[in-house]
Amino acid sequence: MAEFKHLVIVKFKEGVVVEEMVKGMEKLVAEIDAVKSFEWGEDLEGLENLRQGFTHVFVMTFSKKEDFATFAAHPSHLEFSGPFSAAIEKIVVLDFPSLVVKPLAA
């Protein structure tokens, strides 16, 4: 069975303290056991015409789609979504089953 991914690509509004948003998200995923893993990063190498102003990416991995549904409905997620959404200028969200072609090397 494929893992399920929640991919969020954002451009934060001017003046937003990104570190506070990241700390809030780290706290959120620590509270919700359904989240298998969490990664994030800031674009440093993308060509401006390709990244279209987006600067940060957040990726959560779930064992199955039902775990993502548990996360999405969790009260802590609903609470965090308000301030996070208010900090965002642009956003793309993709939720999908992950098909591994080349597994991580051991």
C-alpha atoms as a PDB file:
ATOM      1  CA  MET A   1       0.000   0.000   0.000  1.00  0.00           C
ATOM      2  CA  ALA A   2       1.351   3.429  -0.966  1.00  0.00           C
ATOM      3  CA  GLU A   3       2.080   6.087   1.604  1.00  0.00           C
ATOM      4  CA  PHE A   4       0.036   9.273   1.363  1.00  0.00           C
ATOM      5  CA  LYS A   5       1.659  12.713   1.022  1.00  0.00           C
ATOM      6  CA  HIS A   6       0.425  16.202   1.888  1.00  0.00           C
ATOM      7  CA  LEU A   7       2.524  18.751  -0.038  1.00  0.00           C
ATOM      8  CA  VAL A   8       2.142  22.468   0.675  1.00  0.00           C
ATOM      9  CA  ILE A   9       4.055  25.091  -1.327  1.00  0.00           C
ATOM     10  CA  VAL A  10       3.759  28.681  -0.121  1.00  0.00           C
ATOM     11  CA  LYS A  11       4.849  32.259  -0.423  1.00  0.00           C
ATOM     12  CA  PHE A  12       4.527  33.998   2.927  1.00  0.00           C
ATOM     13  CA  LYS A  13       3.241  37.545   3.176  1.00  0.00           C
ATOM     14  CA  GLU A  14       5.761  40.315   3.672  1.00  0.00           C
ATOM     15  CA  GLY A  15       6.675  40.713   7.356  1.00  0.00           C
ATOM     16  CA  VAL A  16       5.690  37.195   8.424  1.00  0.00           C
ATOM     17  CA  VAL A  17       8.182  35.607  10.811  1.00  0.00           C
ATOM     18  CA  VAL A  18       8.662  32.324   8.981  1.00  0.00           C
ATOM     19  CA  GLU A  19      10.471  30.723  11.920  1.00  0.00           C
ATOM     20  CA  GLU A  20       7.308  31.128  14.033  1.00  0.00           C
ATOM     21  CA  MET A  21       5.208  29.437  11.340  1.00  0.00           C
ATOM     22  CA  VAL A  22       7.687  26.559  11.102  1.00  0.00           C
ATOM     23  CA  LYS A  23       7.823  26.128  14.890  1.00  0.00           C
ATOM     24  CA  GLY A  24       4.022  26.069  14.951  1.00  0.00           C
ATOM     25  CA  MET A  25       3.948  23.394  12.282  1.00  0.00           C
ATOM     26  CA  GLU A  26       6.623  21.339  14.068  1.00  0.00           C
ATOM     27  CA  LYS A  27       4.522  21.504  17.247  1.00  0.00           C
ATOM     28  CA  LEU A  28       1.413  20.540  15.294  1.00  0.00           C
ATOM     29  CA  VAL A  29       2.906  17.414  13.713  1.00  0.00           C
ATOM     30  CA  ALA A  30       4.428  16.365  17.061  1.00  0.00           C
ATOM     31  CA  GLU A  31       0.919  16.388  18.587  1.00  0.00           C
ATOM     32  CA  ILE A  32      -0.700  14.247  15.897  1.00  0.00           C
ATOM     33  CA  ASP A  33       0.406  10.612  15.785  1.00  0.00           C
ATOM     34  CA  ALA A  34      -1.143  10.114  12.338  1.00  0.00           C
ATOM     35  CA  VAL A  35       1.754  12.115  10.827  1.00  0.00           C
ATOM     36  CA  LYS A  36       4.481   9.602   9.964  1.00  0.00           C
ATOM     37  CA  SER A  37       7.111  12.198   8.971  1.00  0.00           C
ATOM     38  CA  PHE A  38       7.447  15.918   8.321  1.00  0.00           C
ATOM     39  CA  GLU A  39       9.974  17.768   6.171  1.00  0.00           C
ATOM     40  CA  TRP A  40      10.255  21.356   5.081  1.00  0.00           C
ATOM     41  CA  GLY A  41      12.617  23.565   3.141  1.00  0.00           C
ATOM     42  CA  GLU A  42      13.180  26.984   1.663  1.00  0.00           C
ATOM     43  CA  ASP A  43      13.952  27.408  -2.022  1.00  0.00           C
ATOM     44  CA  LEU A  44      17.487  28.679  -2.519  1.00  0.00           C
ATOM     45  CA  GLU A  45      18.314  27.512  -6.023  1.00  0.00           C
ATOM     46  CA  GLY A  46      15.135  27.753  -8.100  1.00  0.00           C
ATOM     47  CA  LEU A  47      14.965  30.094 -11.037  1.00  0.00           C
ATOM     48  CA  GLU A  48      12.525  32.926 -10.326  1.00  0.00           C
ATOM     49  CA  ASN A  49      10.548  32.341 -13.511  1.00  0.00           C
ATOM     50  CA  LEU A  50      10.051  28.694 -12.514  1.00  0.00           C
ATOM     51  CA  ARG A  51       9.224  29.070  -8.820  1.00  0.00           C
ATOM     52  CA  GLN A  52       6.648  31.808  -9.485  1.00  0.00           C
ATOM     53  CA  GLY A  53       7.307  33.536  -6.158  1.00  0.00           C
ATOM     54  CA  PHE A  54       6.882  30.443  -3.997  1.00  0.00           C
ATOM     55  CA  THR A  55       9.568  30.183  -1.328  1.00  0.00           C
ATOM     56  CA  HIS A  56       8.812  27.323   1.090  1.00  0.00           C
ATOM     57  CA  VAL A  57       7.659  23.724   0.877  1.00  0.00           C
ATOM     58  CA  PHE A  58       6.206  21.503   3.600  1.00  0.00           C
ATOM     59  CA  VAL A  59       5.765  17.752   3.152  1.00  0.00           C
ATOM     60  CA  MET A  60       3.942  15.414   5.505  1.00  0.00           C
ATOM     61  CA  THR A  61       3.898  11.663   5.036  1.00  0.00           C
ATOM     62  CA  PHE A  62       1.119   9.400   6.268  1.00  0.00           C
ATOM     63  CA  SER A  63       0.989   5.609   6.270  1.00  0.00           C
ATOM     64  CA  LYS A  64      -2.371   5.696   4.507  1.00  0.00           C
ATOM     65  CA  LYS A  65      -4.996   8.122   3.220  1.00  0.00           C
ATOM     66  CA  GLU A  66      -7.155   7.570   6.304  1.00  0.00           C
ATOM     67  CA  ASP A  67      -4.324   8.903   8.494  1.00  0.00           C
ATOM     68  CA  PHE A  68      -4.308  12.077   6.413  1.00  0.00           C
ATOM     69  CA  ALA A  69      -8.073  12.394   6.973  1.00  0.00           C
ATOM     70  CA  THR A  70      -7.470  12.022  10.727  1.00  0.00           C
ATOM     71  CA  PHE A  71      -4.845  14.786  10.559  1.00  0.00           C
ATOM     72  CA  ALA A  72      -7.044  17.096   8.474  1.00  0.00           C
ATOM     73  CA  ALA A  73      -9.939  16.804  10.950  1.00  0.00           C
ATOM     74  CA  HIS A  74      -7.789  17.046  14.094  1.00  0.00           C
ATOM     75  CA  PRO A  75      -8.664  20.059  16.318  1.00  0.00           C
ATOM     76  CA  SER A  76      -5.002  21.142  16.507  1.00  0.00           C
ATOM     77  CA  HIS A  77      -4.792  21.217  12.699  1.00  0.00           C
ATOM     78  CA  LEU A  78      -7.999  23.205  12.437  1.00  0.00           C
ATOM     79  CA  GLU A  79      -6.715  25.675  15.046  1.00  0.00           C
ATOM     80  CA  PHE A  80      -3.318  26.094  13.332  1.00  0.00           C
ATOM     81  CA  SER A  81      -4.863  26.490   9.875  1.00  0.00           C
ATOM     82  CA  GLY A  82      -6.271  29.944  10.715  1.00  0.00           C
ATOM     83  CA  PRO A  83      -3.014  31.729  11.576  1.00  0.00           C
ATOM     84  CA  PHE A  84      -1.108  29.761   8.918  1.00  0.00           C
ATOM     85  CA  SER A  85      -3.591  30.738   6.193  1.00  0.00           C
ATOM     86  CA  ALA A  86      -3.487  34.369   7.330  1.00  0.00           C
ATOM     87  CA  ALA A  87       0.320  34.375   6.847  1.00  0.00           C
ATOM     88  CA  ILE A  88       0.149  33.077   3.262  1.00  0.00           C
ATOM     89  CA  GLU A  89       0.207  35.223   0.138  1.00  0.00           C
ATOM     90  CA  LYS A  90       0.124  32.283  -2.314  1.00  0.00           C
ATOM     91  CA  ILE A  91      -0.355  28.555  -1.781  1.00  0.00           C
ATOM     92  CA  VAL A  92      -0.506  25.263  -3.683  1.00  0.00           C
ATOM     93  CA  VAL A  93      -1.650  22.108  -1.886  1.00  0.00           C
ATOM     94  CA  LEU A  94      -1.381  18.603  -3.317  1.00  0.00           C
ATOM     95  CA  ASP A  95      -2.539  15.445  -1.532  1.00  0.00           C
ATOM     96  CA  PHE A  96      -1.590  12.179  -3.212  1.00  0.00           C
ATOM     97  CA  PRO A  97      -0.620   8.534  -2.819  1.00  0.00           C
ATOM     98  CA  SER A  98       3.152   8.240  -3.120  1.00  0.00           C
ATOM     99  CA  LEU A  99       4.630   5.728  -5.528  1.00  0.00           C
ATOM    100  CA  VAL A 100       8.252   4.992  -4.681  1.00  0.00           C
ATOM    101  CA  VAL A 101      10.392   4.355  -7.752  1.00  0.00           C
ATOM    102  CA  LYS A 102      13.793   4.401  -6.055  1.00  0.00           C
ATOM    103  CA  PRO A 103      13.798   3.696  -2.313  1.00  0.00           C
ATOM    104  CA  LEU A 104      16.152   5.446   0.089  1.00  0.00           C
ATOM    105  CA  ALA A 105      19.558   3.840   0.313  1.00  0.00           C
ATOM    106  CA  ALA A 106      20.208   2.070   3.601  1.00  0.00           C
END
